[in-house]
C-alpha atoms as a PDB file:
ATOM      1  CA  MET A   1       0.000   0.000   0.000  1.00  0.00           C
ATOM      2  CA  LEU A   2       2.927   2.342   0.815  1.00  0.00           C
ATOM      3  CA  ALA A   3       4.013   2.086  -2.833  1.00  0.00           C
ATOM      4  CA  PHE A   4       0.872   3.927  -3.928  1.00  0.00           C
ATOM      5  CA  MET A   5       1.131   6.725  -1.271  1.00  0.00           C
ATOM      6  CA  HIS A   6       2.141  10.238  -2.371  1.00  0.00           C
ATOM      7  CA  PRO A   7       5.777  11.058  -1.445  1.00  0.00           C
ATOM      8  CA  ARG A   8       4.649  13.985   0.780  1.00  0.00           C
ATOM      9  CA  ALA A   9       2.375  11.616   2.741  1.00  0.00           C
ATOM     10  CA  LEU A  10       5.262   9.225   3.217  1.00  0.00           C
ATOM     11  CA  ARG A  11       7.359  12.019   4.769  1.00  0.00           C
ATOM     12  CA  ARG A  12       4.546  12.676   7.290  1.00  0.00           C
ATOM     13  CA  LEU A  13       4.226   9.016   8.324  1.00  0.00           C
ATOM     14  CA  PRO A  14       6.550   9.181  11.426  1.00  0.00           C
ATOM     15  CA  PHE A  15       4.630  12.220  12.721  1.00  0.00           C
ATOM     16  CA  LEU A  16       1.265  10.478  12.254  1.00  0.00           C
ATOM     17  CA  ARG A  17       2.593   7.368  13.970  1.00  0.00           C
ATOM     18  CA  SER A  18       3.626   9.493  16.988  1.00  0.00           C
ATOM     19  CA  ILE A  19       0.166  11.058  17.197  1.00  0.00           C
ATOM     20  CA  ALA A  20      -1.461   7.613  17.079  1.00  0.00           C
ATOM     21  CA  LEU A  21       0.783   6.281  19.832  1.00  0.00           C
ATOM     22  CA  LEU A  22       0.056   9.314  22.019  1.00  0.00           C
ATOM     23  CA  ALA A  23      -3.689   8.908  21.538  1.00  0.00           C
ATOM     24  CA  PHE A  24      -3.471   5.244  22.432  1.00  0.00           C
ATOM     25  CA  ALA A  25      -1.476   6.056  25.569  1.00  0.00           C
ATOM     26  CA  VAL A  26      -4.048   8.599  26.724  1.00  0.00           C
ATOM     27  CA  PHE A  27      -7.301   6.978  25.781  1.00  0.00           C
ATOM     28  CA  GLY A  28      -6.134   3.417  26.259  1.00  0.00           C
ATOM     29  CA  ALA A  29      -5.296   4.205  29.895  1.00  0.00           C
ATOM     30  CA  LEU A  30      -8.674   5.692  30.756  1.00  0.00           C
ATOM     31  CA  PRO A  31     -10.377   2.452  31.811  1.00  0.00           C
ATOM     32  CA  ALA A  32      -7.706   1.999  34.524  1.00  0.00           C
ATOM     33  CA  MET A  33      -8.371   5.496  35.928  1.00  0.00           C
ATOM     34  CA  ALA A  34     -11.794   4.746  37.380  1.00  0.00           C
ATOM     35  CA  ALA A  35     -13.752   7.589  38.904  1.00  0.00           C
ATOM     36  CA  PHE A  36     -13.977   7.658  42.710  1.00  0.00           C
ATOM     37  CA  PRO A  37     -15.560   5.649  44.213  1.00  0.00           C
ATOM     38  CA  ASP A  38     -15.481   2.325  42.396  1.00  0.00           C
ATOM     39  CA  LYS A  39     -15.744   0.119  45.515  1.00  0.00           C
ATOM     40  CA  PRO A  40     -17.331   0.275  48.997  1.00  0.00           C
ATOM     41  CA  ILE A  41     -16.250   2.933  51.467  1.00  0.00           C
ATOM     42  CA  ARG A  42     -15.583   2.112  55.104  1.00  0.00           C
ATOM     43  CA  ILE A  43     -16.212   4.516  57.996  1.00  0.00           C
ATOM     44  CA  VAL A  44     -14.478   3.437  61.189  1.00  0.00           C
ATOM     45  CA  VAL A  45     -16.382   4.205  64.383  1.00  0.00           C
ATOM     46  CA  PRO A  46     -13.884   4.062  67.279  1.00  0.00           C
ATOM     47  CA  PHE A  47     -16.633   2.994  69.698  1.00  0.00           C
ATOM     48  CA  ALA A  48     -18.643  -0.164  70.310  1.00  0.00           C
ATOM     49  CA  PRO A  49     -21.899  -0.614  68.369  1.00  0.00           C
ATOM     50  CA  GLY A  50     -25.102   0.836  69.727  1.00  0.00           C
ATOM     51  CA  GLY A  51     -24.031   4.262  70.944  1.00  0.00           C
ATOM     52  CA  GLY A  52     -24.810   7.710  69.605  1.00  0.00           C
ATOM     53  CA  THR A  53     -21.741   7.903  67.362  1.00  0.00           C
ATOM     54  CA  ASP A  54     -22.577   4.525  65.868  1.00  0.00           C
ATOM     55  CA  ALA A  55     -26.189   5.534  65.157  1.00  0.00           C
ATOM     56  CA  ILE A  56     -25.231   8.876  63.605  1.00  0.00           C
ATOM     57  CA  THR A  57     -22.569   7.251  61.403  1.00  0.00           C
ATOM     58  CA  ARG A  58     -24.807   4.452  60.144  1.00  0.00           C
ATOM     59  CA  THR A  59     -27.570   6.883  59.214  1.00  0.00           C
ATOM     60  CA  LEU A  60     -25.102   9.230  57.534  1.00  0.00           C
ATOM     61  CA  GLY A  61     -23.545   6.314  55.647  1.00  0.00           C
ATOM     62  CA  VAL A  62     -26.859   5.352  54.069  1.00  0.00           C
ATOM     63  CA  GLY A  63     -27.302   8.876  52.750  1.00  0.00           C
ATOM     64  CA  MET A  64     -23.731   9.070  51.470  1.00  0.00           C
ATOM     65  CA  ALA A  65     -24.156   5.747  49.658  1.00  0.00           C
ATOM     66  CA  ASN A  66     -27.172   7.147  47.827  1.00  0.00           C
ATOM     67  CA  THR A  67     -25.000   9.925  46.427  1.00  0.00           C
ATOM     68  CA  LEU A  68     -21.762   8.026  45.848  1.00  0.00           C
ATOM     69  CA  GLY A  69     -23.339   4.955  44.283  1.00  0.00           C
ATOM     70  CA  GLN A  70     -21.311   2.575  46.438  1.00  0.00           C
ATOM     71  CA  PRO A  71     -22.066   0.940  49.815  1.00  0.00           C
ATOM     72  CA  VAL A  72     -20.785   2.749  52.905  1.00  0.00           C
ATOM     73  CA  ILE A  73     -19.867   0.208  55.566  1.00  0.00           C
ATOM     74  CA  VAL A  74     -19.550   1.056  59.262  1.00  0.00           C
ATOM     75  CA  ASP A  75     -16.665  -0.727  60.986  1.00  0.00           C
ATOM     76  CA  ASN A  76     -16.642  -0.534  64.805  1.00  0.00           C
ATOM     77  CA  LYS A  77     -13.121  -0.553  66.268  1.00  0.00           C
ATOM     78  CA  PRO A  78     -13.452   0.449  69.929  1.00  0.00           C
ATOM     79  CA  GLY A  79     -10.707   0.672  72.509  1.00  0.00           C
ATOM     80  CA  ALA A  80      -8.082   2.890  74.163  1.00  0.00           C
ATOM     81  CA  GLY A  81     -10.278   5.971  74.221  1.00  0.00           C
ATOM     82  CA  THR A  82     -10.875   5.875  70.424  1.00  0.00           C
ATOM     83  CA  ILE A  83      -7.152   5.514  69.665  1.00  0.00           C
ATOM     84  CA  ILE A  84      -7.328   1.991  68.196  1.00  0.00           C
ATOM     85  CA  GLY A  85      -9.853   2.856  65.507  1.00  0.00           C
ATOM     86  CA  THR A  86      -8.335   6.257  64.807  1.00  0.00           C
ATOM     87  CA  ASP A  87      -4.849   4.803  64.418  1.00  0.00           C
ATOM     88  CA  PHE A  88      -6.204   2.240  61.955  1.00  0.00           C
ATOM     89  CA  VAL A  89      -7.350   5.067  59.674  1.00  0.00           C
ATOM     90  CA  ALA A  90      -4.155   7.063  60.183  1.00  0.00           C
ATOM     91  CA  LYS A  91      -2.210   4.115  58.753  1.00  0.00           C
ATOM     92  CA  SER A  92      -4.660   3.329  55.929  1.00  0.00           C
ATOM     93  CA  ALA A  93      -4.133   4.097  52.242  1.00  0.00           C
ATOM     94  CA  PRO A  94      -4.777   7.779  51.412  1.00  0.00           C
ATOM     95  CA  ASP A  95      -7.428   7.012  48.821  1.00  0.00           C
ATOM     96  CA  GLY A  96     -10.684   8.043  50.518  1.00  0.00           C
ATOM     97  CA  TYR A  97     -11.972   4.504  50.996  1.00  0.00           C
ATOM     98  CA  THR A  98     -11.249   4.393  54.742  1.00  0.00           C
ATOM     99  CA  LEU A  99     -12.580   7.183  56.961  1.00  0.00           C
ATOM    100  CA  VAL A 100     -12.999   7.747  60.685  1.00  0.00           C
ATOM    101  CA  MET A 101     -15.868   9.423  62.524  1.00  0.00           C
ATOM    102  CA  ALA A 102     -13.974  11.565  64.998  1.00  0.00           C
ATOM    103  CA  THR A 103     -15.508  13.006  68.154  1.00  0.00           C
ATOM    104  CA  PHE A 104     -14.581  15.127  71.164  1.00  0.00           C
ATOM    105  CA  ALA A 105     -11.882  12.581  72.081  1.00  0.00           C
ATOM    106  CA  HIS A 106      -9.981  13.368  68.875  1.00  0.00           C
ATOM    107  CA  ALA A 107      -9.279  16.893  70.133  1.00  0.00           C
ATOM    108  CA  VAL A 108      -8.583  15.894  73.733  1.00  0.00           C
ATOM    109  CA  ASN A 109      -6.397  12.807  73.301  1.00  0.00           C
ATOM    110  CA  PRO A 110      -3.243  14.788  72.382  1.00  0.00           C
ATOM    111  CA  ALA A 111      -3.392  16.424  75.827  1.00  0.00           C
ATOM    112  CA  LEU A 112      -4.255  13.205  77.667  1.00  0.00           C
ATOM    113  CA  GLN A 113      -1.960  10.870  75.702  1.00  0.00           C
ATOM    114  CA  PRO A 114       1.519  12.339  75.159  1.00  0.00           C
ATOM    115  CA  LYS A 115       2.619   9.240  73.203  1.00  0.00           C
ATOM    116  CA  LEU A 116      -0.121   8.758  70.621  1.00  0.00           C
ATOM    117  CA  PRO A 117       0.777   6.339  67.791  1.00  0.00           C
ATOM    118  CA  TYR A 118      -0.067   9.081  65.276  1.00  0.00           C
ATOM    119  CA  ASP A 119       0.298  12.847  64.964  1.00  0.00           C
ATOM    120  CA  THR A 120      -3.236  14.267  65.158  1.00  0.00           C
ATOM    121  CA  ARG A 121      -2.242  17.366  63.205  1.00  0.00           C
ATOM    122  CA  LYS A 122      -0.430  15.519  60.383  1.00  0.00           C
ATOM    123  CA  ALA A 123      -1.971  12.051  60.035  1.00  0.00           C
ATOM    124  CA  PHE A 124      -5.434  13.039  58.812  1.00  0.00           C
ATOM    125  CA  ALA A 125      -7.177  14.956  56.055  1.00  0.00           C
ATOM    126  CA  PRO A 126     -10.374  16.709  57.206  1.00  0.00           C
ATOM    127  CA  VAL A 127     -13.517  15.919  55.218  1.00  0.00           C
ATOM    128  CA  ALA A 128     -16.445  17.581  56.986  1.00  0.00           C
ATOM    129  CA  LEU A 129     -17.705  18.694  60.375  1.00  0.00           C
ATOM    130  CA  ILE A 130     -21.121  17.048  60.739  1.00  0.00           C
ATOM    131  CA  GLY A 131     -22.445  18.980  63.718  1.00  0.00           C
ATOM    132  CA  ALA A 132     -22.396  19.407  67.485  1.00  0.00           C
ATOM    133  CA  SER A 133     -24.711  18.592  70.359  1.00  0.00           C
ATOM    134  CA  PRO A 134     -24.860  19.594  74.020  1.00  0.00           C
ATOM    135  CA  ASN A 135     -24.320  17.690  77.167  1.00  0.00           C
ATOM    136  CA  VAL A 136     -27.066  18.274  79.713  1.00  0.00           C
ATOM    137  CA  LEU A 137     -26.447  18.874  83.395  1.00  0.00           C
ATOM    138  CA  VAL A 138     -28.978  16.624  85.112  1.00  0.00           C
ATOM    139  CA  VAL A 139     -29.880  15.804  88.713  1.00  0.00           C
ATOM    140  CA  ARG A 140     -32.410  13.349  90.125  1.00  0.00           C
ATOM    141  CA  ALA A 141     -36.025  14.456  90.081  1.00  0.00           C
ATOM    142  CA  ASP A 142     -36.071  14.530  93.894  1.00  0.00           C
ATOM    143  CA  SER A 143     -32.856  16.538  94.157  1.00  0.00           C
ATOM    144  CA  PRO A 144     -33.050  19.646  96.355  1.00  0.00           C
ATOM    145  CA  TYR A 145     -31.383  21.593  93.535  1.00  0.00           C
ATOM    146  CA  LYS A 146     -34.121  23.018  91.310  1.00  0.00           C
ATOM    147  CA  THR A 147     -31.916  25.372  89.314  1.00  0.00           C
ATOM    148  CA  LEU A 148     -28.255  25.762  88.440  1.00  0.00           C
ATOM    149  CA  ALA A 149     -28.037  28.656  90.893  1.00  0.00           C
ATOM    150  CA  ASP A 150     -29.301  26.335  93.648  1.00  0.00           C
ATOM    151  CA  LEU A 151     -26.631  23.801  92.750  1.00  0.00           C
ATOM    152  CA  VAL A 152     -23.815  26.344  92.745  1.00  0.00           C
ATOM    153  CA  ALA A 153     -24.970  27.724  96.106  1.00  0.00           C
ATOM    154  CA  GLY A 154     -25.134  24.203  97.540  1.00  0.00           C
ATOM    155  CA  ALA A 155     -21.639  23.385  96.286  1.00  0.00           C
ATOM    156  CA  LYS A 156     -20.213  26.579  97.794  1.00  0.00           C
ATOM    157  CA  ALA A 157     -21.912  25.844 101.112  1.00  0.00           C
ATOM    158  CA  ARG A 158     -20.467  22.302 101.160  1.00  0.00           C
ATOM    159  CA  PRO A 159     -17.065  22.341  99.403  1.00  0.00           C
ATOM    160  CA  GLY A 160     -15.930  18.912  98.226  1.00  0.00           C
ATOM    161  CA  LYS A 161     -19.178  17.213  99.232  1.00  0.00           C
ATOM    162  CA  LEU A 162     -21.176  17.179  95.992  1.00  0.00           C
ATOM    163  CA  SER A 163     -20.180  14.724  93.269  1.00  0.00           C
ATOM    164  CA  PHE A 164     -20.582  14.439  89.512  1.00  0.00           C
ATOM    165  CA  ALA A 165     -20.462  11.251  87.472  1.00  0.00           C
ATOM    166  CA  SER A 166     -18.902  10.640  84.071  1.00  0.00           C
ATOM    167  CA  GLN A 167     -18.342   7.704  81.759  1.00  0.00           C
ATOM    168  CA  GLY A 168     -14.610   7.863  82.431  1.00  0.00           C
ATOM    169  CA  ASN A 169     -11.575  10.095  82.893  1.00  0.00           C
ATOM    170  CA  GLY A 170     -11.008  12.484  80.022  1.00  0.00           C
ATOM    171  CA  THR A 171     -14.469  12.052  78.506  1.00  0.00           C
ATOM    172  CA  SER A 172     -16.666  14.948  77.468  1.00  0.00           C
ATOM    173  CA  ALA A 173     -18.793  14.531  80.619  1.00  0.00           C
ATOM    174  CA  HIS A 174     -15.683  14.670  82.800  1.00  0.00           C
ATOM    175  CA  LEU A 175     -14.188  17.748  81.163  1.00  0.00           C
ATOM    176  CA  ALA A 176     -17.572  19.482  81.096  1.00  0.00           C
ATOM    177  CA  GLY A 177     -17.673  19.028  84.879  1.00  0.00           C
ATOM    178  CA  GLU A 178     -14.129  20.306  85.339  1.00  0.00           C
ATOM    179  CA  LEU A 179     -14.916  23.398  83.274  1.00  0.00           C
ATOM    180  CA  PHE A 180     -17.995  23.947  85.445  1.00  0.00           C
ATOM    181  CA  LYS A 181     -15.848  23.753  88.584  1.00  0.00           C
ATOM    182  CA  ASN A 182     -13.356  26.256  87.202  1.00  0.00           C
ATOM    183  CA  LEU A 183     -15.813  28.862  85.980  1.00  0.00           C
ATOM    184  CA  ALA A 184     -18.264  28.605  88.893  1.00  0.00           C
ATOM    185  CA  ARG A 185     -15.381  28.447  91.402  1.00  0.00           C
ATOM    186  CA  ILE A 186     -16.757  25.436  93.234  1.00  0.00           C
ATOM    187  CA  ASP A 187     -15.263  22.192  94.522  1.00  0.00           C
ATOM    188  CA  LEU A 188     -16.919  19.021  93.219  1.00  0.00           C
ATOM    189  CA  VAL A 189     -15.797  15.396  93.424  1.00  0.00           C
ATOM    190  CA  HIS A 190     -15.472  13.567  90.117  1.00  0.00           C
ATOM    191  CA  VAL A 191     -16.635   9.936  90.089  1.00  0.00           C
ATOM    192  CA  PRO A 192     -15.624   8.113  86.883  1.00  0.00           C
ATOM    193  CA  TYR A 193     -17.462   5.007  85.646  1.00  0.00           C
ATOM    194  CA  ARG A 194     -16.819   2.475  82.914  1.00  0.00           C
ATOM    195  CA  GLY A 195     -19.465   3.806  80.589  1.00  0.00           C
ATOM    196  CA  ALA A 196     -22.461   6.120  80.677  1.00  0.00           C
ATOM    197  CA  GLY A 197     -24.942   3.376  81.643  1.00  0.00           C
ATOM    198  CA  PRO A 198     -23.501   2.627  85.094  1.00  0.00           C
ATOM    199  CA  ALA A 199     -23.049   6.359  85.743  1.00  0.00           C
ATOM    200  CA  MET A 200     -26.698   7.080  84.958  1.00  0.00           C
ATOM    201  CA  THR A 201     -27.785   4.145  87.131  1.00  0.00           C
ATOM    202  CA  ASP A 202     -25.892   5.477  90.139  1.00  0.00           C
ATOM    203  CA  LEU A 203     -27.204   8.977  89.562  1.00  0.00           C
ATOM    204  CA  LEU A 204     -30.750   7.625  89.671  1.00  0.00           C
ATOM    205  CA  GLY A 205     -29.859   5.566  92.738  1.00  0.00           C
ATOM    206  CA  GLY A 206     -28.498   8.540  94.668  1.00  0.00           C
ATOM    207  CA  GLN A 207     -24.840   7.519  94.755  1.00  0.00           C
ATOM    208  CA  VAL A 208     -23.814  10.717  92.912  1.00  0.00           C
ATOM    209  CA  ASP A 209     -25.434  14.150  92.765  1.00  0.00           C
ATOM    210  CA  MET A 210     -25.235  15.194  89.112  1.00  0.00           C
ATOM    211  CA  MET A 211     -23.951  14.325  85.658  1.00  0.00           C
ATOM    212  CA  PHE A 212     -23.223  16.046  82.364  1.00  0.00           C
ATOM    213  CA  ALA A 213     -25.046  13.451  80.289  1.00  0.00           C
ATOM    214  CA  THR A 214     -25.384  13.395  76.513  1.00  0.00           C
ATOM    215  CA  ALA A 215     -28.565  14.940  75.182  1.00  0.00           C
ATOM    216  CA  ALA A 216     -29.772  11.586  73.848  1.00  0.00           C
ATOM    217  CA  ALA A 217     -28.978   9.592  77.008  1.00  0.00           C
ATOM    218  CA  ALA A 218     -30.760  12.029  79.315  1.00  0.00           C
ATOM    219  CA  LYS A 219     -33.818  12.703  77.187  1.00  0.00           C
ATOM    220  CA  SER A 220     -35.957   9.693  78.117  1.00  0.00           C
ATOM    221  CA  PHE A 221     -35.225  10.101  81.845  1.00  0.00           C
ATOM    222  CA  VAL A 222     -36.092  13.801  81.756  1.00  0.00           C
ATOM    223  CA  ALA A 223     -39.268  13.110  79.773  1.00  0.00           C
ATOM    224  CA  ALA A 224     -40.289  10.398  82.265  1.00  0.00           C
ATOM    225  CA  GLY A 225     -39.806  12.744  85.206  1.00  0.00           C
ATOM    226  CA  LYS A 226     -36.909  10.732  86.686  1.00  0.00           C
ATOM    227  CA  MET A 227     -34.318  13.454  86.133  1.00  0.00           C
ATOM    228  CA  ARG A 228     -34.331  17.243  86.056  1.00  0.00           C
ATOM    229  CA  ALA A 229     -32.341  19.110  83.393  1.00  0.00           C
ATOM    230  CA  LEU A 230     -30.738  22.231  84.870  1.00  0.00           C
ATOM    231  CA  ALA A 231     -28.810  23.507  81.844  1.00  0.00           C
ATOM    232  CA  VAL A 232     -27.356  22.586  78.461  1.00  0.00           C
ATOM    233  CA  THR A 233     -23.649  23.053  77.889  1.00  0.00           C
ATOM    234  CA  THR A 234     -23.676  24.671  74.449  1.00  0.00           C
ATOM    235  CA  ALA A 235     -23.472  28.413  73.884  1.00  0.00           C
ATOM    236  CA  HIS A 236     -27.004  28.396  72.424  1.00  0.00           C
ATOM    237  CA  ARG A 237     -30.138  26.561  73.511  1.00  0.00           C
ATOM    238  CA  SER A 238     -30.745  23.134  72.045  1.00  0.00           C
ATOM    239  CA  PRO A 239     -33.927  22.404  70.054  1.00  0.00           C
ATOM    240  CA  ALA A 240     -34.036  19.067  71.889  1.00  0.00           C
ATOM    241  CA  TYR A 241     -34.260  20.949  75.221  1.00  0.00           C
ATOM    242  CA  ALA A 242     -35.907  24.176  74.150  1.00  0.00           C
ATOM    243  CA  ASP A 243     -37.066  25.094  77.660  1.00  0.00           C
ATOM    244  CA  VAL A 244     -33.720  24.414  79.319  1.00  0.00           C
ATOM    245  CA  PRO A 245     -31.327  27.378  79.678  1.00  0.00           C
ATOM    246  CA  THR A 246     -27.679  27.293  78.693  1.00  0.00           C
ATOM    247  CA  MET A 247     -25.067  27.204  81.437  1.00  0.00           C
ATOM    248  CA  ALA A 248     -24.241  30.833  80.651  1.00  0.00           C
ATOM    249  CA  GLU A 249     -27.887  31.889  80.859  1.00  0.00           C
ATOM    250  CA  ALA A 250     -28.294  30.010  84.135  1.00  0.00           C
ATOM    251  CA  GLY A 251     -25.455  31.810  85.857  1.00  0.00           C
ATOM    252  CA  VAL A 252     -22.046  30.587  84.617  1.00  0.00           C
ATOM    253  CA  PRO A 253     -20.847  33.210  82.092  1.00  0.00           C
ATOM    254  CA  GLY A 254     -18.450  32.056  79.400  1.00  0.00           C
ATOM    255  CA  TYR A 255     -19.358  28.389  79.721  1.00  0.00           C
ATOM    256  CA  ALA A 256     -19.549  26.414  76.475  1.00  0.00           C
ATOM    257  CA  ALA A 257     -18.835  22.754  75.797  1.00  0.00           C
ATOM    258  CA  GLU A 258     -20.177  20.477  73.106  1.00  0.00           C
ATOM    259  CA  SER A 259     -19.883  17.013  71.691  1.00  0.00           C
ATOM    260  CA  TRP A 260     -19.227  16.936  67.958  1.00  0.00           C
ATOM    261  CA  TYR A 261     -18.824  14.642  64.978  1.00  0.00           C
ATOM    262  CA  GLY A 262     -16.257  15.147  62.228  1.00  0.00           C
ATOM    263  CA  LEU A 263     -15.251  12.932  59.316  1.00  0.00           C
ATOM    264  CA  TYR A 264     -11.572  12.415  58.445  1.00  0.00           C
ATOM    265  CA  ALA A 265      -9.594  10.498  55.829  1.00  0.00           C
ATOM    266  CA  ALA A 266      -5.907   9.606  55.924  1.00  0.00           C
ATOM    267  CA  ALA A 267      -3.453  12.419  55.202  1.00  0.00           C
ATOM    268  CA  ASN A 268      -2.551  13.008  51.535  1.00  0.00           C
ATOM    269  CA  THR A 269      -5.925  11.846  50.243  1.00  0.00           C
ATOM    270  CA  PRO A 270      -6.417  13.677  46.913  1.00  0.00           C
ATOM    271  CA  LYS A 271      -8.377  16.919  47.104  1.00  0.00           C
ATOM    272  CA  ASP A 272     -10.891  15.845  44.449  1.00  0.00           C
ATOM    273  CA  VAL A 273     -11.703  12.754  46.527  1.00  0.00           C
ATOM    274  CA  ILE A 274     -12.109  14.874  49.680  1.00  0.00           C
ATOM    275  CA  ASP A 275     -14.411  17.251  47.790  1.00  0.00           C
ATOM    276  CA  ARG A 276     -16.509  14.339  46.523  1.00  0.00           C
ATOM    277  CA  LEU A 277     -16.896  12.980  50.057  1.00  0.00           C
ATOM    278  CA  ASN A 278     -17.724  16.415  51.453  1.00  0.00           C
ATOM    279  CA  ALA A 279     -20.446  16.881  48.832  1.00  0.00           C
ATOM    280  CA  ALA A 280     -21.909  13.469  49.711  1.00  0.00           C
ATOM    281  CA  VAL A 281     -22.039  14.437  53.403  1.00  0.00           C
ATOM    282  CA  ARG A 282     -23.776  17.709  52.574  1.00  0.00           C
ATOM    283  CA  ARG A 283     -26.505  15.841  50.720  1.00  0.00           C
ATOM    284  CA  ALA A 284     -26.810  13.036  53.264  1.00  0.00           C
ATOM    285  CA  VAL A 285     -27.530  15.343  56.207  1.00  0.00           C
ATOM    286  CA  LYS A 286     -30.568  16.734  54.384  1.00  0.00           C
ATOM    287  CA  GLU A 287     -32.243  13.344  53.934  1.00  0.00           C
ATOM    288  CA  ALA A 288     -35.205  12.521  56.167  1.00  0.00           C
ATOM    289  CA  PRO A 289     -33.660   9.582  58.108  1.00  0.00           C
ATOM    290  CA  PHE A 290     -30.674  11.680  59.132  1.00  0.00           C
ATOM    291  CA  VAL A 291     -32.806  14.674  60.080  1.00  0.00           C
ATOM    292  CA  GLN A 292     -34.896  12.391  62.292  1.00  0.00           C
ATOM    293  CA  GLN A 293     -31.757  10.916  63.882  1.00  0.00           C
ATOM    294  CA  THR A 294     -30.353  14.359  64.665  1.00  0.00           C
ATOM    295  CA  GLN A 295     -33.550  15.289  66.458  1.00  0.00           C
ATOM    296  CA  THR A 296     -33.156  12.214  68.650  1.00  0.00           C
ATOM    297  CA  GLU A 297     -29.514  13.061  69.365  1.00  0.00           C
ATOM    298  CA  GLY A 298     -30.100  16.793  69.824  1.00  0.00           C
ATOM    299  CA  LEU A 299     -27.508  17.379  67.098  1.00  0.00           C
ATOM    300  CA  ASP A 300     -27.152  20.839  65.576  1.00  0.00           C
ATOM    301  CA  VAL A 301     -26.081  20.054  62.002  1.00  0.00           C
ATOM    302  CA  ASN A 302     -23.673  22.519  60.413  1.00  0.00           C
ATOM    303  CA  VAL A 303     -21.686  20.904  57.608  1.00  0.00           C
ATOM    304  CA  GLY A 304     -18.863  23.087  56.347  1.00  0.00           C
ATOM    305  CA  SER A 305     -15.711  22.804  54.287  1.00  0.00           C
ATOM    306  CA  PRO A 306     -12.759  20.585  55.186  1.00  0.00           C
ATOM    307  CA  ASP A 307     -10.848  23.703  56.260  1.00  0.00           C
ATOM    308  CA  GLU A 308     -13.643  24.651  58.658  1.00  0.00           C
ATOM    309  CA  LEU A 309     -13.385  21.259  60.379  1.00  0.00           C
ATOM    310  CA  ASP A 310      -9.633  21.702  60.664  1.00  0.00           C
ATOM    311  CA  ARG A 311      -9.925  25.156  62.259  1.00  0.00           C
ATOM    312  CA  TYR A 312     -12.678  24.042  64.626  1.00  0.00           C
ATOM    313  CA  VAL A 313     -10.783  21.021  65.949  1.00  0.00           C
ATOM    314  CA  ARG A 314      -7.511  22.928  66.326  1.00  0.00           C
ATOM    315  CA  ALA A 315      -9.340  25.472  68.493  1.00  0.00           C
ATOM    316  CA  GLU A 316     -10.892  22.630  70.518  1.00  0.00           C
ATOM    317  CA  GLU A 317      -7.441  21.116  71.076  1.00  0.00           C
ATOM    318  CA  VAL A 318      -6.091  24.375  72.482  1.00  0.00           C
ATOM    319  CA  ARG A 319      -9.107  25.040  74.701  1.00  0.00           C
ATOM    320  CA  TRP A 320      -9.321  21.592  76.271  1.00  0.00           C
ATOM    321  CA  ARG A 321      -5.563  21.224  76.686  1.00  0.00           C
ATOM    322  CA  LYS A 322      -5.755  24.140  79.125  1.00  0.00           C
ATOM    323  CA  VAL A 323      -8.577  22.458  81.082  1.00  0.00           C
ATOM    324  CA  VAL A 324      -6.622  19.185  81.216  1.00  0.00           C
ATOM    325  CA  GLN A 325      -3.447  20.908  82.396  1.00  0.00           C
ATOM    326  CA  ASP A 326      -5.124  23.278  84.862  1.00  0.00           C
ATOM    327  CA  ASN A 327      -6.952  20.398  86.555  1.00  0.00           C
ATOM    328  CA  HIS A 328      -4.102  17.853  86.323  1.00  0.00           C
ATOM    329  CA  ILE A 329      -6.329  15.366  84.508  1.00  0.00           C
ATOM    330  CA  THR A 330      -4.973  11.944  83.614  1.00  0.00           C
ATOM    331  CA  ILE A 331      -6.665   8.875  82.168  1.00  0.00           C
ATOM    332  CA  ASP A 332      -5.374   6.518  84.864  1.00  0.00           C
END
């Protein structure tokens, strides 16, 4: 066939061959560059199944799967104050297929655990802040303390006699109580338990005087008239406890503490993958099942950019490190 080609066409043959090879290299490689995601995504929950974080994550995962077109699997990896599950994600491939649902502990662990197996600031790529919810300062229904002012007055009249329960040293309930002590200038005794359930049981039984319980855990007891809610810990009132004042409104100016949920991937995950995940979260939180779940949890949903999550958690780290240091808190 070459014998019948025009001489000028023959001179152009090497150039045409180069163009053909380049096109094959580009377009022939496209099938291998599959769009994210092309397989299931795993969200690690660093707590046991059945708690608030687990419920929020599972509901969010369903909504994200609807947008991403791939299953979102929840993998519970509890232990060591969330460190086991968090470390698993820190050491995972930076491809967006393994995420962790971080909570209050993520910001506090650097102060409590000087030898973490990962660098909190460098090991993760922020995806999205999901939202925040209050703790609720509760007492028994038959408690003599009807208001927060009553409680503060009682604590000042009997220094070191009133006690508050928590689900363990360094937890949000514990640090919320320590912040209360500092700002109200009162002396309370902290009584740590192995979990919120036993702490709530002893509060109802009269072994302790108060607790900064999660909004979801306290709600049924308050509704049944077994506990009295004195204040919520957030800076603004919670829709789940619309008639309950904030700690600041009730007489402790400057008080603010909240539990939060934030989604992270491993560091160096590509930006386009992070953006895709962030967009899926934004859509998922608007779906009816998630909205219903947030009402149960008292969660104030406020999904922002990855940078907003990063700034928020860095500020939380600084604030709670001071509380930990000022009160000599350890996890032992």
